[in-house]
Amino acid sequence: MKQNIFKTVFLFSIASLSLIGCKKEEVKELMNSPTHIEIDGFYLELEAYIWRDFMPGSGDSKMMSNNRLIDRNQNDISNRFELLKQYVIKKNKIWETDYSSESYNSDIYVLENTSREGPLWDIGEKVDVICQFRDISTETEYKIMVENQTINRTD
């Protein structure tokens, strides 16, 4: 019986260490994402706003994030690119999520979307945000990053 418990604990420990190693590699890979990308005359950058909502009646104050993929040359990107997934990184922790069905394209050179139901990370913490998006014309996927974003609080 003791041997079975030892084996179980040992195997669980090895599996946990493997997962930690994988997460560190994933963080490292994501952190290699560029802060701007040039594609066919588009000069793309990412803007992000991260917050937790503490307004009365807002619920559990899970983190939310609004991302804006912007072409600084102000070309129409509305039919060329689509936002797929967001990663928010705090040290070795990753919040990975698909964007919500909400979409706010106020200008033709901006794609904007929101992610909800994030972790309960501390207000004021610095995080890095990575957006995975697709070039619809070539079906190529890219990742772009904005660094050192503060988790804000709304009341």
C-alpha atoms as a PDB file:
ATOM      1  CA  MET A   1       0.000   0.000   0.000  1.00  0.00           C
ATOM      2  CA  LYS A   2       2.767   2.457   0.939  1.00  0.00           C
ATOM      3  CA  GLN A   3       4.561   1.609  -2.299  1.00  0.00           C
ATOM      4  CA  ASN A   4       1.454   2.435  -4.349  1.00  0.00           C
ATOM      5  CA  ILE A   5       1.041   5.769  -2.558  1.00  0.00           C
ATOM      6  CA  PHE A   6       4.723   6.561  -3.104  1.00  0.00           C
ATOM      7  CA  LYS A   7       4.460   5.681  -6.800  1.00  0.00           C
ATOM      8  CA  THR A   8       1.349   7.822  -7.180  1.00  0.00           C
ATOM      9  CA  VAL A   9       2.960  10.815  -5.442  1.00  0.00           C
ATOM     10  CA  PHE A  10       6.146  10.342  -7.475  1.00  0.00           C
ATOM     11  CA  LEU A  11       4.291  10.175 -10.804  1.00  0.00           C
ATOM     12  CA  PHE A  12       2.152  13.173  -9.883  1.00  0.00           C
ATOM     13  CA  SER A  13       5.299  15.148  -8.989  1.00  0.00           C
ATOM     14  CA  ILE A  14       6.923  14.345 -12.323  1.00  0.00           C
ATOM     15  CA  ALA A  15       3.752  15.269 -14.219  1.00  0.00           C
ATOM     16  CA  SER A  16       3.502  18.581 -12.309  1.00  0.00           C
ATOM     17  CA  LEU A  17       7.119  19.457 -13.063  1.00  0.00           C
ATOM     18  CA  SER A  18       6.516  18.700 -16.739  1.00  0.00           C
ATOM     19  CA  LEU A  19       3.511  21.017 -16.797  1.00  0.00           C
ATOM     20  CA  ILE A  20       5.487  23.794 -15.096  1.00  0.00           C
ATOM     21  CA  GLY A  21       8.243  23.345 -17.670  1.00  0.00           C
ATOM     22  CA  CYS A  22       5.705  23.474 -20.510  1.00  0.00           C
ATOM     23  CA  LYS A  23       4.102  26.648 -19.122  1.00  0.00           C
ATOM     24  CA  LYS A  24       7.527  28.337 -18.819  1.00  0.00           C
ATOM     25  CA  GLU A  25       8.280  27.396 -22.432  1.00  0.00           C
ATOM     26  CA  GLU A  26       4.892  28.690 -23.543  1.00  0.00           C
ATOM     27  CA  VAL A  27       5.489  31.988 -21.697  1.00  0.00           C
ATOM     28  CA  LYS A  28       8.941  32.261 -23.253  1.00  0.00           C
ATOM     29  CA  GLU A  29       7.539  31.646 -26.747  1.00  0.00           C
ATOM     30  CA  LEU A  30       4.700  34.152 -26.284  1.00  0.00           C
ATOM     31  CA  MET A  31       7.100  36.784 -24.922  1.00  0.00           C
ATOM     32  CA  ASN A  32       9.027  36.575 -28.203  1.00  0.00           C
ATOM     33  CA  SER A  33       6.019  38.081 -30.007  1.00  0.00           C
ATOM     34  CA  PRO A  34       6.841  41.377 -31.730  1.00  0.00           C
ATOM     35  CA  THR A  35       5.397  44.737 -30.653  1.00  0.00           C
ATOM     36  CA  HIS A  36       4.618  45.658 -34.252  1.00  0.00           C
ATOM     37  CA  ILE A  37       4.194  43.769 -37.503  1.00  0.00           C
ATOM     38  CA  GLU A  38       4.478  45.040 -41.074  1.00  0.00           C
ATOM     39  CA  ILE A  39       2.395  43.192 -43.688  1.00  0.00           C
ATOM     40  CA  ASP A  40       1.757  44.481 -47.234  1.00  0.00           C
ATOM     41  CA  GLY A  41       1.809  48.171 -46.274  1.00  0.00           C
ATOM     42  CA  PHE A  42       0.003  47.637 -42.963  1.00  0.00           C
ATOM     43  CA  TYR A  43       1.933  48.702 -39.841  1.00  0.00           C
ATOM     44  CA  LEU A  44       0.137  46.894 -37.030  1.00  0.00           C
ATOM     45  CA  GLU A  45       0.389  47.572 -33.305  1.00  0.00           C
ATOM     46  CA  LEU A  46      -1.624  46.412 -30.324  1.00  0.00           C
ATOM     47  CA  GLU A  47      -3.218  48.517 -27.598  1.00  0.00           C
ATOM     48  CA  ALA A  48      -4.791  46.928 -24.521  1.00  0.00           C
ATOM     49  CA  TYR A  49      -6.782  48.013 -21.496  1.00  0.00           C
ATOM     50  CA  ILE A  50      -7.062  45.522 -18.610  1.00  0.00           C
ATOM     51  CA  TRP A  51      -9.451  45.979 -15.692  1.00  0.00           C
ATOM     52  CA  ARG A  52     -11.515  44.438 -12.942  1.00  0.00           C
ATOM     53  CA  ASP A  53     -14.996  45.849 -12.387  1.00  0.00           C
ATOM     54  CA  PHE A  54     -15.954  46.565  -8.758  1.00  0.00           C
ATOM     55  CA  MET A  55     -19.151  48.492  -9.511  1.00  0.00           C
ATOM     56  CA  PRO A  56     -22.074  47.427  -7.321  1.00  0.00           C
ATOM     57  CA  GLY A  57     -23.957  44.609  -9.004  1.00  0.00           C
ATOM     58  CA  SER A  58     -21.117  43.741 -11.369  1.00  0.00           C
ATOM     59  CA  GLY A  59     -20.586  40.315  -9.827  1.00  0.00           C
ATOM     60  CA  ASP A  60     -17.293  38.689  -8.986  1.00  0.00           C
ATOM     61  CA  SER A  61     -14.920  41.304 -10.508  1.00  0.00           C
ATOM     62  CA  LYS A  62     -13.127  38.878 -12.810  1.00  0.00           C
ATOM     63  CA  MET A  63     -10.535  40.488 -15.046  1.00  0.00           C
ATOM     64  CA  MET A  64     -11.542  41.828 -18.459  1.00  0.00           C
ATOM     65  CA  SER A  65      -9.441  43.044 -21.347  1.00  0.00           C
ATOM     66  CA  ASN A  66     -10.096  45.216 -24.363  1.00  0.00           C
ATOM     67  CA  ASN A  67      -7.664  44.858 -27.274  1.00  0.00           C
ATOM     68  CA  ARG A  68      -7.266  47.144 -30.288  1.00  0.00           C
ATOM     69  CA  LEU A  69      -5.250  46.025 -33.310  1.00  0.00           C
ATOM     70  CA  ILE A  70      -4.398  49.259 -35.111  1.00  0.00           C
ATOM     71  CA  ASP A  71      -2.876  49.969 -38.495  1.00  0.00           C
ATOM     72  CA  ARG A  72      -0.756  53.083 -37.908  1.00  0.00           C
ATOM     73  CA  ASN A  73      -0.891  53.781 -41.673  1.00  0.00           C
ATOM     74  CA  GLN A  74      -4.700  54.002 -41.275  1.00  0.00           C
ATOM     75  CA  ASN A  75      -5.466  51.474 -44.027  1.00  0.00           C
ATOM     76  CA  ASP A  76      -8.765  49.600 -43.921  1.00  0.00           C
ATOM     77  CA  ILE A  77      -8.101  46.395 -41.953  1.00  0.00           C
ATOM     78  CA  SER A  78     -11.734  45.478 -41.258  1.00  0.00           C
ATOM     79  CA  ASN A  79     -11.919  42.836 -44.010  1.00  0.00           C
ATOM     80  CA  ARG A  80      -8.258  41.795 -43.988  1.00  0.00           C
ATOM     81  CA  PHE A  81      -7.605  40.650 -40.403  1.00  0.00           C
ATOM     82  CA  GLU A  82      -9.549  38.979 -37.612  1.00  0.00           C
ATOM     83  CA  LEU A  83      -8.792  38.727 -33.897  1.00  0.00           C
ATOM     84  CA  LEU A  84      -8.659  35.137 -32.652  1.00  0.00           C
ATOM     85  CA  LYS A  85      -7.238  34.732 -29.176  1.00  0.00           C
ATOM     86  CA  GLN A  86      -5.729  36.706 -26.342  1.00  0.00           C
ATOM     87  CA  TYR A  87      -3.005  35.795 -23.863  1.00  0.00           C
ATOM     88  CA  VAL A  88      -2.346  37.858 -20.731  1.00  0.00           C
ATOM     89  CA  ILE A  89       0.886  37.012 -18.937  1.00  0.00           C
ATOM     90  CA  LYS A  90       1.789  37.790 -15.342  1.00  0.00           C
ATOM     91  CA  LYS A  91       5.230  36.352 -14.611  1.00  0.00           C
ATOM     92  CA  ASN A  92       4.712  32.636 -15.365  1.00  0.00           C
ATOM     93  CA  LYS A  93       0.916  32.718 -15.231  1.00  0.00           C
ATOM     94  CA  ILE A  94      -1.109  32.843 -18.433  1.00  0.00           C
ATOM     95  CA  TRP A  95      -4.736  33.783 -18.994  1.00  0.00           C
ATOM     96  CA  GLU A  96      -5.562  32.385 -22.423  1.00  0.00           C
ATOM     97  CA  THR A  97      -8.982  33.057 -23.880  1.00  0.00           C
ATOM     98  CA  ASP A  98     -10.900  33.527 -27.100  1.00  0.00           C
ATOM     99  CA  TYR A  99     -12.344  36.950 -27.740  1.00  0.00           C
ATOM    100  CA  SER A 100     -16.015  37.488 -26.988  1.00  0.00           C
ATOM    101  CA  SER A 101     -18.538  37.842 -29.784  1.00  0.00           C
ATOM    102  CA  GLU A 102     -18.527  41.605 -29.145  1.00  0.00           C
ATOM    103  CA  SER A 103     -16.740  43.636 -31.754  1.00  0.00           C
ATOM    104  CA  TYR A 104     -16.218  47.392 -31.813  1.00  0.00           C
ATOM    105  CA  ASN A 105     -14.783  48.658 -35.076  1.00  0.00           C
ATOM    106  CA  SER A 106     -15.108  52.403 -34.728  1.00  0.00           C
ATOM    107  CA  ASP A 107     -12.508  53.160 -37.405  1.00  0.00           C
ATOM    108  CA  ILE A 108     -11.678  51.114 -40.515  1.00  0.00           C
ATOM    109  CA  TYR A 109      -8.039  50.914 -39.423  1.00  0.00           C
ATOM    110  CA  VAL A 110      -8.889  49.421 -35.977  1.00  0.00           C
ATOM    111  CA  LEU A 111     -10.100  45.966 -34.931  1.00  0.00           C
ATOM    112  CA  GLU A 112     -11.327  45.923 -31.352  1.00  0.00           C
ATOM    113  CA  ASN A 113     -12.625  43.162 -29.123  1.00  0.00           C
ATOM    114  CA  THR A 114     -13.042  42.233 -25.464  1.00  0.00           C
ATOM    115  CA  SER A 115     -12.283  39.196 -23.333  1.00  0.00           C
ATOM    116  CA  ARG A 116     -14.149  38.454 -20.095  1.00  0.00           C
ATOM    117  CA  GLU A 117     -14.090  36.018 -17.177  1.00  0.00           C
ATOM    118  CA  GLY A 118     -10.367  36.383 -16.466  1.00  0.00           C
ATOM    119  CA  PRO A 119      -8.476  35.594 -13.269  1.00  0.00           C
ATOM    120  CA  LEU A 120      -8.641  37.656 -10.069  1.00  0.00           C
ATOM    121  CA  TRP A 121      -5.142  39.107 -10.324  1.00  0.00           C
ATOM    122  CA  ASP A 122      -4.268  42.098  -8.140  1.00  0.00           C
ATOM    123  CA  ILE A 123      -5.106  45.644  -9.171  1.00  0.00           C
ATOM    124  CA  GLY A 124      -1.976  47.577 -10.153  1.00  0.00           C
ATOM    125  CA  GLU A 125      -0.060  44.492 -11.301  1.00  0.00           C
ATOM    126  CA  LYS A 126       1.808  44.759 -14.609  1.00  0.00           C
ATOM    127  CA  VAL A 127       0.985  42.236 -17.340  1.00  0.00           C
ATOM    128  CA  ASP A 128       1.914  41.637 -20.963  1.00  0.00           C
ATOM    129  CA  VAL A 129      -0.845  41.134 -23.537  1.00  0.00           C
ATOM    130  CA  ILE A 130      -0.498  39.074 -26.695  1.00  0.00           C
ATOM    131  CA  CYS A 131      -3.107  39.041 -29.459  1.00  0.00           C
ATOM    132  CA  GLN A 132      -3.285  36.170 -31.926  1.00  0.00           C
ATOM    133  CA  PHE A 133      -4.840  37.264 -35.191  1.00  0.00           C
ATOM    134  CA  ARG A 134      -5.266  35.989 -38.742  1.00  0.00           C
ATOM    135  CA  ASP A 135      -4.596  37.542 -42.119  1.00  0.00           C
ATOM    136  CA  ILE A 136      -7.791  36.438 -43.865  1.00  0.00           C
ATOM    137  CA  SER A 137      -6.290  36.794 -47.347  1.00  0.00           C
ATOM    138  CA  THR A 138      -3.439  34.334 -46.685  1.00  0.00           C
ATOM    139  CA  GLU A 139      -4.846  32.364 -43.710  1.00  0.00           C
ATOM    140  CA  THR A 140      -1.572  33.166 -41.891  1.00  0.00           C
ATOM    141  CA  GLU A 141      -1.738  33.601 -38.123  1.00  0.00           C
ATOM    142  CA  TYR A 142       0.373  36.081 -36.182  1.00  0.00           C
ATOM    143  CA  LYS A 143       0.952  37.091 -32.579  1.00  0.00           C
ATOM    144  CA  ILE A 144       1.600  40.669 -31.521  1.00  0.00           C
ATOM    145  CA  MET A 145       2.343  41.991 -28.037  1.00  0.00           C
ATOM    146  CA  VAL A 146       2.004  45.079 -25.888  1.00  0.00           C
ATOM    147  CA  GLU A 147       4.069  45.062 -22.692  1.00  0.00           C
ATOM    148  CA  ASN A 148       3.719  46.394 -19.145  1.00  0.00           C
ATOM    149  CA  GLN A 149      -0.024  46.984 -19.037  1.00  0.00           C
ATOM    150  CA  THR A 150      -1.504  47.831 -15.641  1.00  0.00           C
ATOM    151  CA  ILE A 151      -4.526  45.954 -14.285  1.00  0.00           C
ATOM    152  CA  ASN A 152      -6.957  48.768 -13.532  1.00  0.00           C
ATOM    153  CA  ARG A 153      -9.964  49.011 -11.257  1.00  0.00           C
ATOM    154  CA  THR A 154     -13.360  50.418 -12.185  1.00  0.00           C
ATOM    155  CA  ASP A 155     -15.871  51.368  -9.457  1.00  0.00           C
END
